[in-house]
Protein backbone atom coordinates (compact mmCIF):
# COMPACT_ATOMS: atom_id res chain seq x y z
CA MET A 1 49.84 64.75 136.12
CA THR A 2 53.97 63.67 135.92
CA ALA A 3 55.85 63.79 138.98
CA THR A 4 58.95 65.88 139.03
CA LEU A 5 62.12 63.91 140.95
CA ASP A 6 63.56 65.89 143.57
CA GLY A 7 66.99 66.18 142.14
CA ARG A 8 68.73 65.79 146.06
CA THR A 9 67.22 62.41 145.61
CA ILE A 10 68.56 61.61 142.18
CA ALA A 11 72.25 62.96 143.13
CA GLN A 12 72.06 60.37 145.69
CA ARG A 13 71.73 57.62 143.78
CA VAL A 14 74.03 58.92 140.93
CA SER A 15 76.71 59.55 142.98
CA ALA A 16 76.38 56.27 144.59
CA ARG A 17 76.95 54.49 141.29
CA PHE A 18 79.32 57.41 139.67
CA ALA A 19 81.21 59.53 142.96
CA ASP A 20 82.97 62.19 140.89
CA ALA A 21 79.61 63.09 138.25
CA VAL A 22 77.36 65.27 140.63
CA GLU A 23 77.93 69.01 140.60
CA ALA A 24 75.14 70.13 142.43
CA ALA A 25 71.50 69.20 143.02
CA GLU A 26 68.51 71.21 144.15
CA PRO A 27 65.18 69.97 144.51
CA GLY A 28 63.97 70.50 141.00
CA TRP A 29 67.28 69.65 138.96
CA LEU A 30 70.60 67.91 139.76
CA ARG A 31 74.28 68.89 137.82
CA VAL A 32 76.70 66.88 136.68
CA ARG A 33 80.10 66.85 134.88
CA ALA A 34 80.08 67.36 131.08
CA GLU A 35 82.57 64.33 131.11
CA ARG A 36 80.04 62.10 133.09
CA LEU A 37 77.18 63.41 131.04
CA VAL A 38 76.90 60.15 128.68
CA ASP A 39 77.29 57.73 131.97
CA VAL A 40 74.49 59.79 134.10
CA VAL A 41 72.12 59.53 131.56
CA ARG A 42 72.81 56.22 130.46
CA PHE A 43 72.10 55.02 133.90
CA LEU A 44 69.31 57.14 134.58
CA ARG A 45 67.74 55.32 131.31
CA ASP A 46 68.38 51.86 132.38
CA GLU A 47 67.83 52.15 136.14
CA PRO A 48 64.71 50.23 136.74
CA GLU A 49 62.72 52.18 139.21
CA LEU A 50 63.85 55.38 137.28
CA THR A 51 63.50 54.40 133.72
CA LEU A 52 64.05 57.52 132.25
CA GLU A 53 63.53 56.95 128.72
CA GLN A 54 62.82 59.69 126.78
CA LEU A 55 64.77 63.26 125.98
CA ASP A 56 61.84 65.13 125.89
CA MET A 57 63.12 68.73 125.52
CA MET A 58 66.92 69.74 125.72
CA THR A 59 68.00 73.40 125.34
CA ALA A 60 70.83 75.62 126.65
CA VAL A 61 71.00 78.70 128.48
CA ASP A 62 73.91 81.71 128.21
CA TYR A 63 74.90 82.76 131.27
CA MET A 64 78.04 84.97 129.10
CA ASP A 65 80.86 83.52 130.98
CA TYR A 66 79.53 79.66 130.27
CA PHE A 67 76.97 77.98 128.78
CA GLU A 68 74.24 75.22 130.55
CA LEU A 69 72.84 72.85 129.15
CA VAL A 70 69.51 71.43 130.08
CA TYR A 71 67.56 68.15 129.48
CA LEU A 72 64.25 66.92 130.89
CA LEU A 73 64.13 63.17 131.01
CA LEU A 74 60.67 61.68 130.96
CA SER A 75 59.70 58.12 132.32
CA VAL A 76 56.62 57.04 130.12
CA ARG A 77 55.99 53.81 132.02
CA ARG A 78 56.59 55.44 135.58
CA ASN A 79 55.07 58.83 134.55
CA HIS A 80 57.71 60.64 136.29
CA GLN A 81 61.06 63.37 135.15
CA CYS A 82 63.94 64.76 135.91
CA LEU A 83 65.69 67.72 134.81
CA LEU A 84 69.38 67.46 134.30
CA LYS A 85 71.81 70.48 133.83
CA CYS A 86 75.71 70.20 132.65
CA TRP A 87 78.34 72.91 131.80
CA THR A 88 80.44 73.67 129.25
CA GLY A 89 83.89 74.32 130.44
CA ASP A 90 85.13 76.73 127.45
CA ARG A 91 82.65 79.47 125.96
CA ALA A 92 84.45 80.22 123.09
CA ASP A 93 84.45 76.81 121.60
CA PRO A 94 81.79 74.40 123.92
CA ALA A 95 81.39 71.38 123.41
CA VAL A 96 79.99 68.09 125.33
CA PRO A 97 79.23 64.78 124.73
CA SER A 98 76.49 63.54 122.42
CA LEU A 99 73.69 61.85 124.07
CA VAL A 100 72.62 60.28 120.77
CA PRO A 101 74.28 57.05 121.44
CA VAL A 102 72.01 57.29 125.02
CA LEU A 103 69.12 58.32 123.66
CA TYR A 104 68.04 58.76 119.92
CA GLY A 105 65.86 61.53 120.72
CA ALA A 106 68.86 63.85 121.30
CA LEU A 107 69.61 63.80 117.44
CA LEU A 108 67.64 66.69 116.32
CA GLN A 109 67.30 68.60 119.60
CA GLU A 110 71.48 68.67 119.78
CA ARG A 111 71.45 70.25 116.30
CA GLU A 112 69.14 72.48 116.85
CA THR A 113 71.70 73.77 119.83
CA TYR A 114 74.29 73.82 117.80
CA ASP A 115 72.58 75.63 115.03
CA LEU A 116 71.26 78.46 117.62
CA PHE A 117 74.19 78.72 120.01
CA GLY A 118 77.56 77.03 118.69
CA ILE A 119 77.79 74.66 121.31
CA ARG A 120 79.30 71.36 119.83
CA PHE A 121 78.70 67.53 120.80
CA ALA A 122 81.36 65.29 120.56
CA ASP A 123 80.66 62.02 118.42
CA HIS A 124 77.26 63.68 117.10
CA PRO A 125 76.55 61.25 113.81
CA ASP A 126 75.50 64.54 111.93
CA LEU A 127 76.31 67.76 113.49
CA ARG A 128 74.97 71.12 111.07
CA ARG A 129 72.62 73.21 111.05
CA VAL A 130 69.01 72.30 110.92
CA LEU A 131 67.26 75.65 111.10
CA LEU A 132 69.62 78.08 109.64
CA TRP A 133 71.39 77.96 106.45
CA GLU A 134 75.33 76.48 106.29
CA GLY A 135 77.51 79.23 106.25
CA PHE A 136 75.67 81.75 108.62
CA ALA A 137 77.47 83.81 110.11
CA GLY A 138 76.97 83.62 114.27
CA TRP A 139 75.35 82.13 116.65
CA PRO A 140 72.00 83.58 117.13
CA LEU A 141 71.03 82.52 120.52
CA ARG A 142 74.13 83.66 122.23
CA LYS A 143 74.10 86.84 124.16
CA ASP A 144 76.85 88.80 122.50
CA PHE A 145 75.18 87.70 119.10
CA LEU A 146 73.88 91.13 118.83
CA GLN A 147 76.85 92.79 121.15
CA ILE A 148 74.17 93.43 124.40
CA GLY A 149 76.83 92.39 126.46
CA GLN A 150 79.11 94.93 124.75
CA GLY A 151 76.79 97.97 125.99
CA ALA A 152 75.48 98.01 122.83
CA PHE A 153 72.28 96.88 121.34
CA HIS A 154 71.40 95.84 117.40
CA PRO A 155 68.04 95.30 117.09
CA GLY A 156 68.56 92.34 114.34
CA LEU A 157 68.69 91.95 111.00
CA PRO A 158 67.22 94.70 108.48
CA HIS A 159 65.54 92.55 106.30
CA PHE A 160 65.55 89.01 105.48
CA PRO A 161 68.84 88.10 104.26
CA LYS A 162 69.50 87.97 100.33
CA GLU A 163 66.11 90.52 100.53
CA GLY A 164 68.07 93.14 99.49
CA GLY A 165 66.35 95.61 97.35
CA GLU A 166 64.85 98.85 98.23
CA ARG A 167 65.49 97.72 102.06
CA GLY A 168 69.20 97.95 101.45
CA LEU A 169 72.39 95.44 102.08
CA LEU A 170 72.74 92.94 105.16
CA THR A 171 74.70 95.02 107.51
CA GLY A 172 75.17 94.43 111.26
CA PRO A 173 77.70 92.96 113.82
CA ASN A 174 78.15 89.91 112.32
CA TRP A 175 77.88 90.79 108.48
CA THR A 176 81.53 90.97 106.59
CA GLY A 177 81.20 93.55 103.67
CA GLU A 178 81.69 90.07 101.55
CA ASP A 179 78.53 88.66 102.35
CA ALA A 180 77.18 92.06 101.51
CA ALA A 181 79.07 92.43 97.93
CA GLN A 182 77.22 88.78 97.29
CA GLU A 183 74.10 89.96 98.44
CA LEU A 184 74.63 92.55 95.45
CA ASN A 185 75.38 90.29 92.99
CA GLN A 186 72.57 87.97 93.01
């Protein structure tokens, strides 16, 4: 069974190397400043006793005021893992540094997070949508995508995009009249 490293212990090691990097730590996780994310991950990868060389999973959480990025780093050699978190500073245009230069496995995971949450990754070599098509209006995993945060609830799209026909045109909070006109002309 893979052991989960104590976030407080890892925080002490990271703080000894980068005094300003750690924001918070609990037994199950460690949160670092976005500006130090690449340095910390490189340290966790290269530290001989840790060797957290694989990005097992990455996702984001929308807290309405900010986004939290969650990284699960894994050491295959040592059979342990560490949960690392990072907050984006700006909700309107969230961005953090890309981990692709340090962990190549972040390439598609960062693209997926960008595609669904709209979080940009600085210096990513190919940041574009991977699940949805280019030009898709909005970021579907944000809580405000369906206007849930504004007290309204829209249960999603009435049908698949460009389906049209008897089921009607696409309408909703993230579709413009221009989108509907384009759908009619197909």
